Amino acid sequence: MKIFRVIAVGLMLAAPVQAQDFDSGLAAYSAGDYATALENWRPLAEQGDPVAQNNLGFMYTIGRGGVPQDYVTAQMWYNVGAANGWPPELSGRDSVDVRMTFNQFSEAQRRARVCMESRYRDCY
């Protein structure tokens, strides 16, 4: 499954301080406990971790972790992760692009800018 390859690469890129939370999120995700994975990854995403940001994008794409399927929020997180160095070819943002209207895409772009400018305090 692509997400597990993406997450495994992310483990190598995560800072040591964040690795424990990331690993806990990975273990929870692997066990099907998506809500716990989200609890572990959201704070990392809000601290600027591009792998966690990408993983939140994935969770919003498919509607896992107690979050509804929301392409705008997914695209926002994918864009923030890409802006922070996550390779776009490893994200799911291209698969989300084709499912969005122009207005949704524009809103995702706007929200990504707000998220980055607020230093991740306003990412919803």
C-alpha atoms as a PDB file:
ATOM      1  CA  MET A   1       0.000   0.000   0.000  1.00  0.00           C
ATOM      2  CA  LYS A   2       1.383   3.400  -0.999  1.00  0.00           C
ATOM      3  CA  ILE A   3       0.726   5.079   2.358  1.00  0.00           C
ATOM      4  CA  PHE A   4       2.930   2.579   4.167  1.00  0.00           C
ATOM      5  CA  ARG A   5       5.813   3.251   1.762  1.00  0.00           C
ATOM      6  CA  VAL A   6       5.295   6.976   2.229  1.00  0.00           C
ATOM      7  CA  ILE A   7       5.167   6.589   5.997  1.00  0.00           C
ATOM      8  CA  ALA A   8       8.267   4.391   6.034  1.00  0.00           C
ATOM      9  CA  VAL A   9      10.204   7.031   4.110  1.00  0.00           C
ATOM     10  CA  GLY A  10       8.850   9.574   6.566  1.00  0.00           C
ATOM     11  CA  LEU A  11      10.290   7.654   9.474  1.00  0.00           C
ATOM     12  CA  MET A  12      13.732   8.186   8.057  1.00  0.00           C
ATOM     13  CA  LEU A  13      13.104  11.923   7.702  1.00  0.00           C
ATOM     14  CA  ALA A  14      11.412  12.587  11.058  1.00  0.00           C
ATOM     15  CA  ALA A  15      13.430  14.319  13.755  1.00  0.00           C
ATOM     16  CA  PRO A  16      14.443  12.067  16.695  1.00  0.00           C
ATOM     17  CA  VAL A  17      12.297  14.033  19.157  1.00  0.00           C
ATOM     18  CA  GLN A  18       9.252  13.503  16.986  1.00  0.00           C
ATOM     19  CA  ALA A  19      10.035   9.918  16.063  1.00  0.00           C
ATOM     20  CA  GLN A  20       8.304   8.386  19.082  1.00  0.00           C
ATOM     21  CA  ASP A  21       5.005  10.170  18.356  1.00  0.00           C
ATOM     22  CA  PHE A  22       5.344   9.398  14.670  1.00  0.00           C
ATOM     23  CA  ASP A  23       6.077   5.736  15.421  1.00  0.00           C
ATOM     24  CA  SER A  24       3.078   5.587  17.764  1.00  0.00           C
ATOM     25  CA  GLY A  25       0.935   7.029  14.986  1.00  0.00           C
ATOM     26  CA  LEU A  26       2.302   4.518  12.497  1.00  0.00           C
ATOM     27  CA  ALA A  27       1.621   1.606  14.854  1.00  0.00           C
ATOM     28  CA  ALA A  28      -1.908   2.872  15.461  1.00  0.00           C
ATOM     29  CA  TYR A  29      -2.540   3.363  11.736  1.00  0.00           C
ATOM     30  CA  SER A  30      -1.241  -0.131  10.980  1.00  0.00           C
ATOM     31  CA  ALA A  31      -3.593  -1.550  13.612  1.00  0.00           C
ATOM     32  CA  GLY A  32      -6.559   0.277  12.111  1.00  0.00           C
ATOM     33  CA  ASP A  33      -6.773   2.757  14.987  1.00  0.00           C
ATOM     34  CA  TYR A  34      -6.994   5.795  12.751  1.00  0.00           C
ATOM     35  CA  ALA A  35      -8.195   8.176  15.454  1.00  0.00           C
ATOM     36  CA  THR A  36      -5.050   7.530  17.527  1.00  0.00           C
ATOM     37  CA  ALA A  37      -2.849   7.902  14.439  1.00  0.00           C
ATOM     38  CA  LEU A  38      -4.505  11.257  13.834  1.00  0.00           C
ATOM     39  CA  GLU A  39      -3.947  12.287  17.471  1.00  0.00           C
ATOM     40  CA  ASN A  40      -0.245  11.509  17.118  1.00  0.00           C
ATOM     41  CA  TRP A  41       0.284  13.059  13.698  1.00  0.00           C
ATOM     42  CA  ARG A  42      -1.789  16.245  13.995  1.00  0.00           C
ATOM     43  CA  PRO A  43       0.538  17.918  16.554  1.00  0.00           C
ATOM     44  CA  LEU A  44       3.538  16.993  14.417  1.00  0.00           C
ATOM     45  CA  ALA A  45       1.848  18.492  11.362  1.00  0.00           C
ATOM     46  CA  GLU A  46       1.129  21.643  13.339  1.00  0.00           C
ATOM     47  CA  GLN A  47       4.834  21.825  14.249  1.00  0.00           C
ATOM     48  CA  GLY A  48       5.768  21.820  10.555  1.00  0.00           C
ATOM     49  CA  ASP A  49       6.553  18.133   9.963  1.00  0.00           C
ATOM     50  CA  PRO A  50       5.986  17.579   6.220  1.00  0.00           C
ATOM     51  CA  VAL A  51       5.517  13.809   6.560  1.00  0.00           C
ATOM     52  CA  ALA A  52       2.797  14.235   9.164  1.00  0.00           C
ATOM     53  CA  GLN A  53       1.240  16.953   6.986  1.00  0.00           C
ATOM     54  CA  ASN A  54       1.181  14.574   4.044  1.00  0.00           C
ATOM     55  CA  ASN A  55      -0.335  11.834   6.199  1.00  0.00           C
ATOM     56  CA  LEU A  56      -3.117  14.184   7.337  1.00  0.00           C
ATOM     57  CA  GLY A  57      -3.772  14.945   3.678  1.00  0.00           C
ATOM     58  CA  PHE A  58      -4.137  11.220   3.049  1.00  0.00           C
ATOM     59  CA  MET A  59      -6.475  10.761   6.007  1.00  0.00           C
ATOM     60  CA  TYR A  60      -8.725  13.580   4.763  1.00  0.00           C
ATOM     61  CA  THR A  61      -8.610  12.171   1.228  1.00  0.00           C
ATOM     62  CA  ILE A  62     -10.082   8.867   2.336  1.00  0.00           C
ATOM     63  CA  GLY A  63     -11.966  10.026   5.431  1.00  0.00           C
ATOM     64  CA  ARG A  64     -10.102   8.153   8.159  1.00  0.00           C
ATOM     65  CA  GLY A  65      -9.147   8.988  11.723  1.00  0.00           C
ATOM     66  CA  GLY A  66     -12.517  10.417  12.774  1.00  0.00           C
ATOM     67  CA  VAL A  67     -12.282  13.028  10.001  1.00  0.00           C
ATOM     68  CA  PRO A  68     -14.769  13.282   7.155  1.00  0.00           C
ATOM     69  CA  GLN A  69     -13.617  12.885   3.588  1.00  0.00           C
ATOM     70  CA  ASP A  70     -12.707  16.453   2.664  1.00  0.00           C
ATOM     71  CA  TYR A  71     -10.733  17.095  -0.499  1.00  0.00           C
ATOM     72  CA  VAL A  72     -10.182  20.780   0.270  1.00  0.00           C
ATOM     73  CA  THR A  73      -8.562  20.032   3.643  1.00  0.00           C
ATOM     74  CA  ALA A  74      -6.644  17.120   2.129  1.00  0.00           C
ATOM     75  CA  GLN A  75      -5.269  19.340  -0.623  1.00  0.00           C
ATOM     76  CA  MET A  76      -4.396  22.032   1.906  1.00  0.00           C
ATOM     77  CA  TRP A  77      -2.288  19.581   3.953  1.00  0.00           C
ATOM     78  CA  TYR A  78      -0.668  18.104   0.832  1.00  0.00           C
ATOM     79  CA  ASN A  79       0.305  21.615  -0.303  1.00  0.00           C
ATOM     80  CA  VAL A  80       1.661  22.592   3.108  1.00  0.00           C
ATOM     81  CA  GLY A  81       3.705  19.385   3.239  1.00  0.00           C
ATOM     82  CA  ALA A  82       5.073  20.022  -0.249  1.00  0.00           C
ATOM     83  CA  ALA A  83       5.983  23.595   0.707  1.00  0.00           C
ATOM     84  CA  ASN A  84       7.898  22.163   3.668  1.00  0.00           C
ATOM     85  CA  GLY A  85       9.911  19.763   1.557  1.00  0.00           C
ATOM     86  CA  TRP A  86       7.795  16.632   1.155  1.00  0.00           C
ATOM     87  CA  PRO A  87       8.326  15.407  -2.436  1.00  0.00           C
ATOM     88  CA  PRO A  88       5.116  16.113  -4.382  1.00  0.00           C
ATOM     89  CA  GLU A  89       5.450  12.847  -6.295  1.00  0.00           C
ATOM     90  CA  LEU A  90       5.049  10.968  -2.997  1.00  0.00           C
ATOM     91  CA  SER A  91       1.923  12.836  -1.953  1.00  0.00           C
ATOM     92  CA  GLY A  92      -1.611  12.119  -3.009  1.00  0.00           C
ATOM     93  CA  ARG A  93      -2.347  15.641  -4.106  1.00  0.00           C
ATOM     94  CA  ASP A  94      -2.507  14.810  -7.817  1.00  0.00           C
ATOM     95  CA  SER A  95      -5.186  12.202  -7.130  1.00  0.00           C
ATOM     96  CA  VAL A  96      -7.177  14.808  -5.199  1.00  0.00           C
ATOM     97  CA  ASP A  97      -6.739  17.552  -7.838  1.00  0.00           C
ATOM     98  CA  VAL A  98      -8.811  15.652 -10.386  1.00  0.00           C
ATOM     99  CA  ARG A  99     -11.698  15.283  -7.923  1.00  0.00           C
ATOM    100  CA  MET A 100     -11.974  18.971  -7.103  1.00  0.00           C
ATOM    101  CA  THR A 101     -13.775  21.873  -8.716  1.00  0.00           C
ATOM    102  CA  PHE A 102     -11.842  25.016  -9.549  1.00  0.00           C
ATOM    103  CA  ASN A 103     -13.399  26.777  -6.546  1.00  0.00           C
ATOM    104  CA  GLN A 104     -12.418  23.939  -4.203  1.00  0.00           C
ATOM    105  CA  PHE A 105      -8.870  23.986  -5.534  1.00  0.00           C
ATOM    106  CA  SER A 106      -8.663  27.763  -5.058  1.00  0.00           C
ATOM    107  CA  GLU A 107      -9.978  27.433  -1.505  1.00  0.00           C
ATOM    108  CA  ALA A 108      -7.383  24.746  -0.709  1.00  0.00           C
ATOM    109  CA  GLN A 109      -4.628  27.027  -1.999  1.00  0.00           C
ATOM    110  CA  ARG A 110      -5.933  29.928   0.081  1.00  0.00           C
ATOM    111  CA  ARG A 111      -6.156  27.786   3.206  1.00  0.00           C
ATOM    112  CA  ALA A 112      -2.612  26.472   2.686  1.00  0.00           C
ATOM    113  CA  ARG A 113      -1.328  30.057   2.554  1.00  0.00           C
ATOM    114  CA  VAL A 114      -3.245  30.974   5.718  1.00  0.00           C
ATOM    115  CA  CYS A 115      -1.947  27.853   7.452  1.00  0.00           C
ATOM    116  CA  MET A 116       1.664  28.626   6.573  1.00  0.00           C
ATOM    117  CA  GLU A 117       1.388  32.340   7.368  1.00  0.00           C
ATOM    118  CA  SER A 118      -0.149  31.580  10.778  1.00  0.00           C
ATOM    119  CA  ARG A 119       2.689  29.176  11.566  1.00  0.00           C
ATOM    120  CA  TYR A 120       0.195  26.278  11.578  1.00  0.00           C
ATOM    121  CA  ARG A 121      -2.214  27.833  14.091  1.00  0.00           C
ATOM    122  CA  ASP A 122      -4.992  28.325  11.527  1.00  0.00           C
ATOM    123  CA  CYS A 123      -5.054  25.207   9.386  1.00  0.00           C
ATOM    124  CA  TYR A 124      -8.765  24.391   9.261  1.00  0.00           C
END
